[in-house]
Amino acid sequence: MMEPVKEVPSIDPTQAPLVKLTRASLINIPITDPTYGKYSIKMNQEVDPTTEINNVISSVIAEAQTKPVIASINALDRFLHLKPQMKCEIYNQLDRALRNLILRNDITHMILFSPYGNPQGPEEGNHSDYGVYIATVTRPRHEDTVKIHEIGYLFNQAVEDIMASQGL
């Protein structure tokens, strides 16, 4: 992962093409430090994983009532570079939070992904090669890895499917 920039970006993230196209709400996006969005934290270890995970999920639930959401949970990257022994604890917290989110019947589509795998050492950007793609939107090529540039297309497809089903 690239290290987040320390200054606010010169372009408003809400003007990014995907955000403008889908009118998505942004939550905890690690493009700045602190993160950008409705919920925002510093990209250090000041906020514990449980607090971040719970607050991001709560924000997603609240925002998803009225618009698409693009959110990030950064606990793995914030903690595992320096404290790899926390891996199971953080994954357990993520599993519980995502289970609660998935079992809701008012959220119909979601894409959960990480473009890279687990941190492999203390250096920023040192990750295992493969991330995660779990979604209600079918991957473009069933046998192939979803590429980072395809995520935006798939997110837009999910938003269009929901809008079409609602007659919008």
Protein backbone atom coordinates (compact mmCIF):
# COMPACT_ATOMS: atom_id res chain seq x y z
CA MET A 1 0.00 0.00 0.00
CA MET A 2 1.17 3.49 -0.70
CA GLU A 3 1.72 5.60 2.38
CA PRO A 4 -1.11 8.14 2.79
CA VAL A 5 -0.23 11.72 1.95
CA LYS A 6 0.21 14.06 4.87
CA GLU A 7 -1.66 17.03 3.34
CA VAL A 8 -5.22 17.27 2.18
CA PRO A 9 -5.31 16.38 -1.54
CA SER A 10 -5.51 19.32 -3.93
CA ILE A 11 -8.56 17.73 -5.52
CA ASP A 12 -11.72 17.11 -3.57
CA PRO A 13 -12.13 13.29 -3.27
CA THR A 14 -15.88 13.73 -3.77
CA GLN A 15 -15.02 14.91 -7.29
CA ALA A 16 -13.37 11.61 -8.23
CA PRO A 17 -15.16 10.11 -11.26
CA LEU A 18 -16.49 7.02 -9.45
CA VAL A 19 -17.75 9.06 -6.50
CA LYS A 20 -19.44 11.58 -8.80
CA LEU A 21 -20.92 8.83 -10.97
CA THR A 22 -22.39 6.85 -8.07
CA ARG A 23 -22.87 9.72 -5.58
CA ALA A 24 -21.22 7.48 -2.99
CA SER A 25 -20.51 8.46 0.59
CA LEU A 26 -16.86 8.08 1.60
CA ILE A 27 -15.89 6.59 4.96
CA ASN A 28 -12.35 6.27 6.39
CA ILE A 29 -10.58 6.30 3.01
CA PRO A 30 -6.76 6.17 3.47
CA ILE A 31 -5.82 8.78 0.88
CA THR A 32 -4.82 11.30 3.55
CA ASP A 33 -3.66 11.13 7.13
CA PRO A 34 -6.05 11.38 8.89
CA THR A 35 -8.23 9.28 6.61
CA TYR A 36 -10.92 10.94 4.52
CA GLY A 37 -14.67 10.62 4.96
CA LYS A 38 -17.66 10.61 7.29
CA TYR A 39 -15.57 8.67 9.80
CA SER A 40 -11.89 9.59 9.94
CA ILE A 41 -8.89 8.51 12.00
CA LYS A 42 -5.13 9.00 11.99
CA MET A 43 -3.21 6.24 10.22
CA ASN A 44 -1.21 5.42 13.34
CA GLN A 45 -2.06 3.08 16.22
CA GLU A 46 -3.92 5.73 18.24
CA VAL A 47 -7.35 4.16 17.53
CA ASP A 48 -7.63 0.48 18.45
CA PRO A 49 -8.90 -2.00 15.82
CA THR A 50 -12.22 -2.65 17.59
CA THR A 51 -13.11 1.04 17.69
CA GLU A 52 -12.22 1.56 14.03
CA ILE A 53 -14.07 -1.55 12.85
CA ASN A 54 -17.22 -0.79 14.87
CA ASN A 55 -17.30 2.87 13.84
CA VAL A 56 -16.75 2.12 10.15
CA ILE A 57 -19.49 -0.53 10.16
CA SER A 58 -21.88 1.80 12.00
CA SER A 59 -21.14 4.56 9.50
CA VAL A 60 -21.68 2.19 6.58
CA ILE A 61 -25.06 1.11 7.97
CA ALA A 62 -26.15 4.71 8.52
CA GLU A 63 -24.96 6.01 5.14
CA ALA A 64 -26.19 2.99 3.15
CA GLN A 65 -29.77 3.89 4.04
CA THR A 66 -29.67 6.73 1.50
CA LYS A 67 -26.70 6.23 -0.84
CA PRO A 68 -23.94 3.89 -2.00
CA VAL A 69 -20.93 3.73 0.29
CA ILE A 70 -17.19 3.38 -0.28
CA ALA A 71 -15.52 2.58 3.04
CA SER A 72 -12.19 1.34 4.28
CA ILE A 73 -11.15 -0.55 7.39
CA ASN A 74 -7.44 0.05 7.82
CA ALA A 75 -6.77 -1.82 11.08
CA LEU A 76 -4.83 -4.64 9.42
CA ASP A 77 -2.43 -2.26 7.74
CA ARG A 78 -2.17 0.06 10.74
CA PHE A 79 -1.31 -2.72 13.18
CA LEU A 80 0.12 -5.81 11.45
CA HIS A 81 3.27 -4.17 10.11
CA LEU A 82 4.47 -3.68 13.69
CA LYS A 83 2.35 -6.15 15.70
CA PRO A 84 1.85 -9.29 13.59
CA GLN A 85 0.72 -11.17 16.71
CA MET A 86 -2.57 -9.20 16.51
CA LYS A 87 -3.52 -10.86 13.20
CA CYS A 88 -6.02 -13.41 14.56
CA GLU A 89 -7.57 -10.90 16.96
CA ILE A 90 -8.16 -8.34 14.21
CA TYR A 91 -9.51 -10.95 11.77
CA ASN A 92 -11.91 -12.22 14.44
CA GLN A 93 -13.19 -8.68 15.00
CA LEU A 94 -13.55 -8.17 11.25
CA ASP A 95 -15.40 -11.49 10.89
CA ARG A 96 -17.90 -10.56 13.60
CA ALA A 97 -18.50 -7.06 12.23
CA LEU A 98 -18.87 -8.22 8.64
CA ARG A 99 -21.19 -11.05 9.68
CA ASN A 100 -23.48 -8.49 11.31
CA LEU A 101 -23.34 -6.31 8.21
CA ILE A 102 -24.01 -9.17 5.81
CA LEU A 103 -26.95 -10.52 7.84
CA ARG A 104 -28.80 -7.21 7.58
CA ASN A 105 -31.62 -7.38 5.06
CA ASP A 106 -31.46 -3.68 4.15
CA ILE A 107 -28.05 -3.87 2.46
CA THR A 108 -28.48 -5.76 -0.80
CA HIS A 109 -25.11 -5.45 -2.56
CA MET A 110 -21.59 -5.24 -1.26
CA ILE A 111 -18.04 -5.63 -2.45
CA LEU A 112 -15.44 -6.47 0.17
CA PHE A 113 -11.94 -6.30 -1.20
CA SER A 114 -8.32 -5.68 -0.44
CA PRO A 115 -6.03 -5.04 -3.41
CA TYR A 116 -3.12 -6.55 -1.49
CA GLY A 117 -2.62 -9.23 1.12
CA ASN A 118 -1.39 -9.20 4.70
CA PRO A 119 1.51 -7.00 5.74
CA GLN A 120 4.70 -9.08 5.53
CA GLY A 121 7.04 -6.97 7.62
CA PRO A 122 7.54 -3.60 9.26
CA GLU A 123 8.06 -1.70 5.98
CA GLU A 124 5.13 0.15 4.46
CA GLY A 125 4.15 -1.42 1.15
CA ASN A 126 5.45 -4.91 2.00
CA HIS A 127 2.39 -7.17 1.56
CA SER A 128 1.62 -10.67 0.32
CA ASP A 129 0.72 -10.73 -3.36
CA TYR A 130 -3.00 -11.51 -3.22
CA GLY A 131 -5.82 -9.64 -1.54
CA VAL A 132 -9.48 -10.51 -1.10
CA TYR A 133 -12.56 -10.15 -3.30
CA ILE A 134 -15.90 -11.18 -1.80
CA ALA A 135 -19.02 -9.67 -3.32
CA THR A 136 -22.63 -9.97 -4.37
CA VAL A 137 -21.37 -8.79 -7.78
CA THR A 138 -19.93 -11.59 -9.88
CA ARG A 139 -16.29 -11.24 -10.80
CA PRO A 140 -15.68 -10.53 -14.52
CA ARG A 141 -13.71 -13.73 -15.11
CA HIS A 142 -14.68 -16.41 -12.65
CA GLU A 143 -11.27 -18.10 -12.63
CA ASP A 144 -9.18 -14.92 -12.56
CA THR A 145 -8.06 -12.45 -9.92
CA VAL A 146 -10.09 -9.23 -9.86
CA LYS A 147 -7.82 -6.37 -10.87
CA ILE A 148 -7.84 -3.11 -8.91
CA HIS A 149 -9.11 -1.13 -11.93
CA GLU A 150 -12.11 -3.48 -12.20
CA ILE A 151 -13.38 -2.73 -8.68
CA GLY A 152 -14.77 0.68 -9.70
CA TYR A 153 -16.59 -0.88 -12.65
CA LEU A 154 -18.07 -3.59 -10.43
CA PHE A 155 -19.12 -1.05 -7.79
CA ASN A 156 -20.84 1.07 -10.44
CA GLN A 157 -22.55 -2.07 -11.79
CA ALA A 158 -23.93 -2.85 -8.31
CA VAL A 159 -25.19 0.73 -7.90
CA GLU A 160 -26.87 0.61 -11.32
CA ASP A 161 -28.50 -2.75 -10.48
CA ILE A 162 -29.97 -1.33 -7.28
CA MET A 163 -31.19 1.83 -9.01
CA ALA A 164 -32.81 -0.22 -11.78
CA SER A 165 -34.55 -2.47 -9.25
CA GLN A 166 -35.92 0.63 -7.52
CA GLY A 167 -37.06 2.19 -10.78
CA LEU A 168 -34.63 5.11 -10.51
